[in-house]
Protein backbone atom coordinates (compact mmCIF):
# COMPACT_ATOMS: atom_id res chain seq x y z
CA MET A 1 134.31 -102.98 147.49
CA SER A 2 132.23 -101.39 144.15
CA ALA A 3 134.52 -102.52 141.82
CA LEU A 4 134.20 -106.05 142.99
CA MET A 5 130.38 -105.84 143.67
CA ILE A 6 130.23 -105.00 139.74
CA LYS A 7 132.50 -107.57 138.68
CA ILE A 8 130.76 -109.89 140.61
CA GLY A 9 127.50 -108.39 139.48
CA GLY A 10 128.24 -109.32 135.82
CA GLY A 11 129.28 -112.95 136.43
CA TRP A 12 125.50 -113.01 137.99
CA LEU A 13 124.22 -111.50 135.08
CA ILE A 14 125.71 -114.21 132.81
CA ALA A 15 124.61 -116.79 135.06
CA ILE A 16 120.91 -115.66 134.68
CA LEU A 17 121.30 -115.66 131.05
CA LEU A 18 122.68 -119.47 130.88
CA GLY A 19 119.59 -120.32 132.53
CA MET A 20 120.80 -120.65 136.34
CA PRO A 21 117.64 -120.06 138.42
CA LEU A 22 118.04 -116.80 140.00
CA TYR A 23 117.73 -116.96 143.67
CA ALA A 24 120.47 -119.52 143.41
CA SER A 25 122.42 -116.84 140.89
CA MET A 26 121.69 -114.32 143.85
CA GLY A 27 122.96 -116.58 146.40
CA LEU A 28 126.07 -117.86 145.03
CA ALA A 29 126.79 -114.16 143.90
CA ALA A 30 126.37 -112.86 147.77
CA LEU A 31 128.86 -115.96 148.51
CA ALA A 32 131.31 -114.83 146.25
CA PHE A 33 131.45 -111.08 147.72
CA LEU A 34 131.85 -112.07 150.90
CA VAL A 35 134.69 -114.90 150.32
CA LEU A 36 136.69 -112.12 147.70
CA ALA A 37 135.99 -109.22 150.54
CA GLY A 38 137.49 -111.42 153.17
CA MET A 39 133.91 -111.51 155.34
CA PRO A 40 133.04 -114.02 157.84
CA LEU A 41 130.66 -116.72 155.79
CA THR A 42 128.24 -116.69 158.87
CA VAL A 43 126.65 -113.61 157.75
CA LEU A 44 125.27 -115.20 154.53
CA PRO A 45 122.49 -117.54 157.00
CA GLN A 46 121.94 -114.44 159.44
CA LYS A 47 121.07 -111.89 156.32
CA MET A 48 118.83 -114.50 154.87
CA ALA A 49 116.73 -115.22 157.82
CA GLY A 50 117.00 -111.31 159.15
CA SER A 51 115.25 -110.35 155.25
CA ILE A 52 112.28 -112.34 156.13
CA ASN A 53 112.47 -111.59 160.00
CA SER A 54 109.63 -109.07 159.27
CA PHE A 55 106.10 -108.80 160.32
CA PRO A 56 105.12 -107.33 156.98
CA ILE A 57 106.34 -109.95 155.34
CA ILE A 58 103.95 -112.44 156.57
CA ALA A 59 101.27 -110.54 154.57
CA ALA A 60 102.31 -112.49 151.41
CA PRO A 61 101.92 -115.88 152.65
CA LEU A 62 98.72 -115.01 153.79
CA PHE A 63 97.45 -113.43 150.50
CA ILE A 64 98.22 -116.07 148.53
CA LEU A 65 96.58 -118.40 150.73
CA MET A 66 93.59 -116.04 150.65
CA GLY A 67 93.68 -116.22 146.90
CA ASN A 68 94.15 -120.16 146.77
CA ILE A 69 91.14 -120.58 148.92
CA LEU A 70 88.81 -118.44 147.04
CA ALA A 71 89.73 -120.15 143.76
CA ALA A 72 88.83 -123.22 145.38
CA ALA A 73 85.28 -121.98 146.66
CA GLN A 74 84.48 -121.38 143.10
CA ILE A 75 83.78 -117.76 144.17
CA THR A 76 84.71 -116.34 140.39
CA ASP A 77 81.22 -117.81 138.92
CA ARG A 78 79.30 -115.58 141.07
CA ILE A 79 81.33 -112.50 140.00
CA VAL A 80 81.47 -113.29 136.77
CA ALA A 81 77.79 -113.68 136.54
CA PHE A 82 77.13 -110.35 138.60
CA ALA A 83 79.49 -108.23 135.78
CA SER A 84 77.89 -109.92 133.31
CA ALA A 85 74.10 -109.16 134.22
CA LEU A 86 75.16 -105.27 135.00
CA ILE A 87 77.46 -104.30 131.75
CA GLY A 88 77.29 -107.59 129.75
CA TRP A 89 74.11 -105.69 127.75
CA VAL A 90 75.71 -102.90 126.03
CA ARG A 91 78.50 -103.53 122.89
CA GLY A 92 81.11 -105.49 123.45
CA GLY A 93 79.27 -106.37 126.67
CA TYR A 94 81.45 -109.87 127.06
CA ALA A 95 84.49 -108.06 127.03
CA HIS A 96 83.52 -104.93 129.52
CA ALA A 97 82.39 -108.04 131.80
CA SER A 98 85.59 -109.52 131.90
CA ILE A 99 87.47 -106.29 132.68
CA LEU A 100 85.01 -105.90 135.04
CA THR A 101 85.24 -109.10 136.40
CA SER A 102 89.10 -108.87 136.86
CA MET A 103 88.52 -105.39 138.54
CA ILE A 104 86.46 -107.20 141.13
CA PHE A 105 88.67 -110.07 141.31
CA ALA A 106 91.89 -107.84 141.71
CA GLY A 107 90.61 -106.68 145.03
CA MET A 108 90.77 -110.13 146.41
CA VAL A 109 93.73 -111.70 145.43
CA GLY A 110 96.31 -109.34 144.05
CA SER A 111 97.87 -111.31 141.44
CA ALA A 112 97.80 -111.07 137.58
CA VAL A 113 98.29 -114.84 137.42
CA ALA A 114 95.78 -115.70 139.43
CA ASP A 115 93.48 -113.27 137.96
CA ALA A 116 94.14 -114.93 134.58
CA ALA A 117 93.94 -118.65 135.80
CA GLY A 118 90.77 -118.04 138.39
CA ALA A 119 88.91 -115.82 135.89
CA GLY A 120 90.44 -116.27 132.78
CA ALA A 121 88.46 -119.80 131.84
CA ILE A 122 85.01 -118.43 132.35
CA GLU A 123 85.63 -115.43 130.83
CA VAL A 124 87.11 -116.49 127.52
CA ARG A 125 84.43 -119.75 127.35
CA ALA A 126 82.18 -116.71 127.53
CA MET A 127 83.57 -114.24 125.15
CA ARG A 128 83.87 -117.08 122.76
CA ARG A 129 79.99 -118.41 122.98
CA ALA A 130 79.14 -114.74 122.06
CA GLY A 131 81.42 -114.98 118.53
CA TYR A 132 85.13 -113.35 119.66
CA ARG A 133 87.93 -115.19 118.27
CA PRO A 134 89.90 -116.89 120.55
CA GLU A 135 92.90 -114.91 120.39
CA THR A 136 90.60 -111.52 121.07
CA ALA A 137 89.06 -113.30 123.84
CA ALA A 138 92.70 -114.29 125.37
CA SER A 139 93.85 -110.97 125.01
CA ILE A 140 91.53 -109.07 126.39
CA THR A 141 91.31 -111.57 129.48
CA ALA A 142 95.29 -111.27 129.62
CA ALA A 143 95.52 -107.53 129.53
CA ALA A 144 92.57 -106.98 132.31
CA ALA A 145 94.75 -109.34 134.45
CA THR A 146 97.26 -106.81 134.89
CA ILE A 147 94.94 -105.09 136.99
CA GLY A 148 95.09 -107.23 139.76
CA PRO A 149 98.48 -106.51 141.45
CA ILE A 150 97.89 -102.77 141.02
CA ILE A 151 93.95 -102.62 142.95
CA PRO A 152 94.91 -103.89 146.42
CA PRO A 153 95.92 -106.08 147.98
CA SER A 154 99.09 -106.57 145.76
CA LEU A 155 101.81 -109.16 146.24
CA PRO A 156 103.97 -107.15 144.44
CA MET A 157 103.44 -104.34 146.62
CA VAL A 158 103.65 -106.02 149.81
CA ILE A 159 107.46 -107.29 148.59
CA TYR A 160 108.39 -103.77 147.19
CA GLY A 161 107.13 -102.12 151.01
CA VAL A 162 109.09 -104.90 152.54
CA THR A 163 112.28 -104.39 150.78
CA ALA A 164 112.11 -100.57 149.92
CA ASP A 165 110.69 -99.67 153.38
CA VAL A 166 107.55 -97.61 152.36
CA SER A 167 104.61 -98.19 154.11
CA ILE A 168 102.49 -100.77 152.49
CA GLY A 169 98.94 -99.36 153.31
CA LYS A 170 99.85 -96.26 151.56
CA LEU A 171 101.04 -98.10 148.37
CA PHE A 172 97.88 -99.96 148.58
CA VAL A 173 96.04 -97.06 148.78
CA ALA A 174 98.07 -95.62 145.81
CA GLY A 175 96.91 -98.42 143.63
CA ILE A 176 93.51 -97.80 143.39
CA ILE A 177 93.15 -95.00 141.19
CA PRO A 178 95.75 -96.35 138.50
CA GLY A 179 93.94 -100.01 138.41
CA LEU A 180 90.60 -97.98 138.00
CA LEU A 181 92.07 -95.87 135.12
CA MET A 182 93.65 -99.18 133.77
CA GLY A 183 90.01 -100.67 133.88
CA LEU A 184 88.86 -97.81 131.92
CA SER A 185 91.53 -97.31 129.21
CA LEU A 186 90.97 -100.86 128.80
CA MET A 187 86.98 -100.73 128.26
CA ILE A 188 87.61 -97.63 125.92
CA MET A 189 89.78 -99.83 123.90
CA VAL A 190 86.48 -102.34 123.99
CA THR A 191 84.52 -99.93 122.77
CA PHE A 192 86.11 -98.91 120.29
CA ILE A 193 86.91 -102.09 118.53
CA ALA A 194 82.96 -103.30 118.96
CA THR A 195 81.98 -100.04 117.09
CA ARG A 196 84.50 -100.50 114.36
CA GLU A 197 84.37 -104.33 114.14
CA GLY A 198 79.99 -104.02 114.57
CA MET A 199 79.94 -106.44 117.47
CA GLY A 200 76.69 -107.48 118.69
CA ARG A 201 74.99 -106.96 121.69
CA LYS A 202 72.81 -109.07 124.00
CA THR A 203 69.68 -107.91 125.42
CA PHE A 204 69.72 -106.62 128.91
CA ALA A 205 68.12 -109.15 131.22
CA GLY A 206 67.00 -106.23 133.66
CA TRP A 207 67.80 -104.55 137.10
CA GLY A 208 65.92 -107.86 138.52
CA THR A 209 68.65 -110.42 137.15
CA VAL A 210 71.22 -107.68 138.58
CA LEU A 211 70.02 -107.63 141.71
CA LYS A 212 69.91 -111.40 141.96
CA THR A 213 73.18 -111.73 141.01
CA PHE A 214 74.35 -108.81 143.03
CA LEU A 215 72.80 -110.89 146.11
CA ASP A 216 73.85 -114.39 145.12
CA GLY A 217 77.65 -112.57 145.06
CA PHE A 218 76.95 -110.59 147.95
CA PHE A 219 79.42 -112.20 149.95
CA ALA A 220 81.85 -112.57 147.63
CA LEU A 221 81.67 -109.08 146.46
CA MET A 222 82.48 -107.94 150.24
CA THR A 223 85.62 -109.57 150.18
CA PRO A 224 87.58 -106.23 148.92
CA VAL A 225 85.82 -104.17 151.65
CA VAL A 226 86.73 -106.17 154.15
CA ILE A 227 90.24 -106.10 153.23
CA LEU A 228 90.49 -102.34 152.32
CA GLY A 229 87.71 -101.41 155.05
CA GLY A 230 89.81 -102.75 157.74
CA ILE A 231 93.06 -101.06 156.44
CA PHE A 232 91.88 -97.53 155.33
CA SER A 233 89.62 -97.06 158.89
CA GLY A 234 92.97 -97.96 160.94
CA LEU A 235 91.24 -100.80 162.54
CA CYS A 236 94.14 -102.98 161.27
CA THR A 237 97.26 -103.24 159.25
CA PRO A 238 97.53 -104.65 155.95
CA THR A 239 98.71 -108.12 157.20
CA GLU A 240 96.56 -108.10 160.12
CA ALA A 241 94.11 -107.58 156.89
CA ALA A 242 95.53 -110.51 155.13
CA ALA A 243 94.71 -112.67 157.72
CA ILE A 244 91.27 -111.59 158.66
CA ALA A 245 90.77 -111.96 154.74
CA CYS A 246 91.80 -115.24 155.29
CA PHE A 247 89.13 -116.61 157.50
CA TYR A 248 86.70 -114.71 155.73
CA ALA A 249 87.66 -116.41 152.74
CA LEU A 250 87.49 -119.61 154.47
CA PHE A 251 83.76 -118.79 156.11
CA LEU A 252 82.58 -117.93 152.40
CA GLY A 253 83.40 -121.37 151.28
CA PHE A 254 82.48 -123.68 154.03
CA VAL A 255 79.18 -121.77 155.35
CA VAL A 256 77.88 -119.52 153.48
CA TYR A 257 78.05 -120.89 149.70
CA ARG A 258 79.26 -124.22 150.88
CA THR A 259 81.67 -124.90 148.17
CA LEU A 260 84.52 -126.41 150.28
CA THR A 261 85.07 -129.39 152.06
CA LEU A 262 87.79 -130.60 154.37
CA ALA A 263 88.94 -132.37 151.72
CA HIS A 264 89.79 -129.60 150.16
CA LEU A 265 92.19 -127.89 152.59
CA GLY A 266 95.14 -130.05 151.83
CA PRO A 267 95.48 -129.21 148.55
CA ILE A 268 94.83 -125.38 149.12
CA LEU A 269 97.81 -125.62 152.25
CA ILE A 270 100.16 -127.55 149.79
CA GLU A 271 99.81 -125.14 146.67
CA THR A 272 100.51 -121.96 149.05
CA ILE A 273 103.55 -123.47 150.47
CA GLU A 274 104.82 -124.24 147.35
CA THR A 275 104.15 -120.77 145.88
CA THR A 276 104.93 -119.15 149.04
CA GLY A 277 108.24 -120.92 149.36
CA LEU A 278 109.43 -119.82 145.93
CA VAL A 279 108.29 -116.03 146.64
CA LEU A 280 110.61 -116.20 150.26
CA VAL A 281 113.23 -117.81 148.70
CA LEU A 282 114.10 -114.91 146.18
CA VAL A 283 113.30 -112.46 148.89
CA MET A 284 115.94 -113.92 151.15
CA ALA A 285 118.62 -114.48 148.32
CA ALA A 286 117.67 -110.87 147.60
CA GLY A 287 118.36 -109.80 150.80
CA VAL A 288 121.62 -110.86 151.42
CA LEU A 289 122.74 -109.75 148.00
CA GLY A 290 121.20 -106.31 149.01
CA TRP A 291 123.24 -106.20 152.19
CA CYS A 292 126.31 -107.15 150.30
CA MET A 293 125.59 -104.26 148.01
CA SER A 294 124.76 -101.84 150.26
CA ILE A 295 128.21 -102.70 151.82
CA SER A 296 130.24 -102.29 148.73
CA ARG A 297 128.52 -98.79 148.69
CA LEU A 298 127.36 -100.05 145.00
CA PRO A 299 124.06 -98.10 145.45
CA GLN A 300 125.66 -94.81 146.77
CA THR A 301 128.23 -95.04 143.95
CA LEU A 302 125.49 -95.78 141.06
CA THR A 303 123.48 -92.88 142.35
CA PRO A 304 125.63 -90.04 141.80
CA LEU A 305 126.44 -91.32 138.51
CA ILE A 306 122.85 -91.47 137.79
CA LEU A 307 122.20 -87.79 138.85
CA GLU A 308 125.00 -86.64 136.96
CA THR A 309 123.92 -87.87 133.73
CA ILE A 310 120.48 -87.44 133.96
CA LYS A 311 119.72 -83.74 135.30
CA SER A 312 115.95 -83.86 135.44
CA PRO A 313 113.29 -86.13 137.19
CA LEU A 314 111.29 -86.54 134.09
CA ALA A 315 114.00 -87.72 132.11
CA PHE A 316 115.00 -90.16 135.01
CA LEU A 317 111.53 -91.40 134.91
CA LEU A 318 111.47 -92.11 131.27
CA MET A 319 114.97 -93.94 131.26
CA ALA A 320 113.82 -95.95 134.49
CA ASN A 321 110.41 -96.70 132.63
CA LEU A 322 112.11 -97.92 129.28
CA LEU A 323 114.70 -100.12 131.51
CA MET A 324 111.98 -101.46 133.68
CA LEU A 325 110.28 -102.29 130.73
CA LEU A 326 113.08 -104.00 129.04
CA ILE A 327 113.38 -106.33 132.09
CA GLY A 328 109.91 -107.04 132.80
CA CYS A 329 110.11 -109.01 129.57
CA PHE A 330 112.96 -110.90 130.13
CA MET A 331 112.76 -111.86 133.74
CA GLU A 332 109.69 -112.55 136.18
CA ALA A 333 108.21 -109.63 138.59
CA LEU A 334 109.16 -110.36 141.42
CA ALA A 335 112.46 -111.12 140.92
CA ALA A 336 113.23 -108.09 138.85
CA MET A 337 111.73 -105.85 141.36
CA LEU A 338 113.98 -106.96 143.79
CA ILE A 339 117.03 -106.47 141.46
CA LEU A 340 116.18 -103.04 140.90
CA ILE A 341 114.57 -101.54 144.18
CA PRO A 342 118.43 -100.99 145.90
CA ILE A 343 119.54 -99.23 142.49
CA LEU A 344 116.48 -97.58 141.39
CA VAL A 345 114.86 -96.10 144.60
CA PRO A 346 117.50 -94.29 146.47
CA ALA A 347 118.00 -92.39 142.83
CA ALA A 348 114.23 -91.68 142.81
CA VAL A 349 113.85 -90.38 145.79
CA SER A 350 117.36 -88.14 145.39
CA TYR A 351 115.61 -86.58 142.17
CA GLY A 352 112.35 -86.14 144.98
CA ILE A 353 110.30 -88.86 143.59
CA SER A 354 107.78 -90.14 146.44
CA PRO A 355 108.93 -93.94 146.53
CA VAL A 356 104.87 -94.68 147.05
CA GLN A 357 104.49 -93.13 143.79
CA PHE A 358 107.69 -95.16 142.40
CA GLY A 359 106.49 -98.58 143.54
CA VAL A 360 103.02 -98.03 141.75
CA VAL A 361 105.08 -97.08 138.51
CA MET A 362 107.38 -100.01 139.00
CA VAL A 363 105.23 -102.52 139.62
CA LEU A 364 103.05 -101.78 136.62
CA ASN A 365 106.17 -101.63 134.48
CA LEU A 366 106.87 -105.14 135.46
CA ILE A 367 103.56 -106.46 135.51
CA LEU A 368 103.34 -105.60 131.49
CA GLY A 369 105.98 -107.94 130.98
CA THR A 370 103.82 -110.75 132.27
CA ILE A 371 102.01 -110.38 129.24
CA HIS A 372 104.75 -109.23 126.81
CA PRO A 373 106.62 -112.00 125.02
CA PRO A 374 109.37 -113.63 125.66
CA ILE A 375 108.94 -114.70 129.36
CA GLY A 376 105.10 -113.51 129.81
CA VAL A 377 103.45 -115.78 132.06
CA VAL A 378 100.01 -114.42 131.81
CA LEU A 379 100.08 -115.08 128.00
CA PHE A 380 100.98 -118.76 128.82
CA VAL A 381 98.27 -119.13 131.20
CA VAL A 382 95.72 -117.34 128.63
CA THR A 383 96.90 -119.53 125.72
CA ARG A 384 96.34 -122.48 127.46
CA ILE A 385 93.02 -121.75 128.25
CA ALA A 386 92.26 -120.29 125.02
CA ASP A 387 93.98 -123.09 123.32
CA VAL A 388 95.62 -120.46 121.04
CA SER A 389 99.28 -120.80 120.20
CA PHE A 390 101.85 -118.44 121.78
CA GLU A 391 102.68 -116.76 118.67
CA THR A 392 99.50 -115.70 117.96
CA MET A 393 98.84 -114.78 121.43
CA SER A 394 102.20 -112.63 121.15
CA ARG A 395 100.57 -110.59 118.11
CA ALA A 396 97.12 -110.37 119.74
CA ILE A 397 98.10 -108.68 123.02
CA LEU A 398 100.42 -105.90 121.18
CA PRO A 399 97.01 -103.30 120.58
CA TRP A 400 95.96 -103.95 124.41
CA LEU A 401 99.27 -102.62 125.58
CA VAL A 402 98.59 -99.62 124.34
CA PRO A 403 95.90 -98.26 126.70
CA LEU A 404 98.12 -99.65 129.67
CA LEU A 405 101.28 -97.91 128.75
CA VAL A 406 99.07 -94.44 128.51
CA VAL A 407 98.09 -94.90 131.82
CA LEU A 408 101.71 -96.15 132.87
CA ALA A 409 102.62 -92.56 131.65
CA MET A 410 99.90 -90.68 133.59
CA ILE A 411 100.89 -92.16 136.77
CA SER A 412 104.62 -91.44 135.56
CA PHE A 413 104.35 -88.18 135.19
CA TRP A 414 101.74 -87.12 137.10
CA PRO A 415 102.26 -87.66 140.80
CA PRO A 416 98.50 -86.88 142.10
CA LEU A 417 97.00 -89.95 140.47
CA THR A 418 99.07 -92.08 142.97
CA LEU A 419 99.94 -89.82 145.88
CA TRP A 420 96.18 -87.77 146.17
CA LEU A 421 94.66 -90.81 147.98
CA PRO A 422 97.60 -91.64 150.48
CA GLU A 423 97.77 -88.39 151.40
CA LEU A 424 94.10 -87.90 152.05
CA LEU A 425 93.83 -91.06 153.99
CA PHE A 426 96.90 -91.13 155.72
CA ALA A 427 97.33 -87.49 156.73
CA LYS A 428 98.28 -87.29 160.17
């Protein structure tokens, strides 16, 4: 059956290259396997339904809903104001404030695209007013947006946890230090460029202004505390925390800031349903295809081959990183993750690599593809915001990949950066 699955997999890859939607190509590949293997076709809907019949998967639409509520409630403005007051006065301050805003926003929405679209317009506009070149402002915003899926909550980590059967709570905690390192590395890059190019600085508005903007955005800034506090304290699971966060976002929009009205709920729910539908149909198609791979014993066949070819865990991590970076450049992150998990995670475990560490490494690899051509979903978002060409952005983003790749290497080859906090907080 492994040989049959490899042949079907080859046809599936050709279908993807020809432009067939990924969920359709996955479903057809699974259907072809069932037909050629002589299995009942009733397996197809059963396994598709079973792949989303999971309590943790409910966290995905809930986090999507929360992000849409926060965006509609214009929470971003208050976060940007606080970040600018706190750090905007140093050299290159608007860029530093943009990165800090993304780090805070990451603790709310868990999506690079949502980060770029939600906070990006305000950040780019502020940097352009301060004299930054449009492509520089857009590049900083795009690079900072990659922090979104790393600092919890994180939609890709929910999908990874469900698919790879790994604790979502541990994955969330494992992303905290890498996310902070990503922000710090980008700020170091900003400091270097600001010093080299002699960027100016604005006058510090005073601690009174910092306090005022903090109080104005206090309840918005507490969103990550509500989410992570519930998970870390053990009071709720990540799925329950997502539900609580949705109610908290509605409370902010309707009661605290009064920026939401009943008229907003329709568009919010429609956008949530559309996004959730795209995510879940991928999960269902990947679930049935993953079952076909398992039945064909393809992972069990490939894992020994990988182990025989690559002798050391470090060499495997290097190979896996290069493979995921390459695939991330040509495929949407969630789709690539669903394809790679059944093949790479068992091999990683065989090398003694923690699936929690490997999950963070996989997410960061594939998210970097969102700011790199030719797919570069986040690049497309910021090019529209900054009104620059995609070709210009493709060149301008390259230096900002360097600090992020350094962080990727650090978390790949030094496990404590991802495992220390989960082991500390989830110790029995």
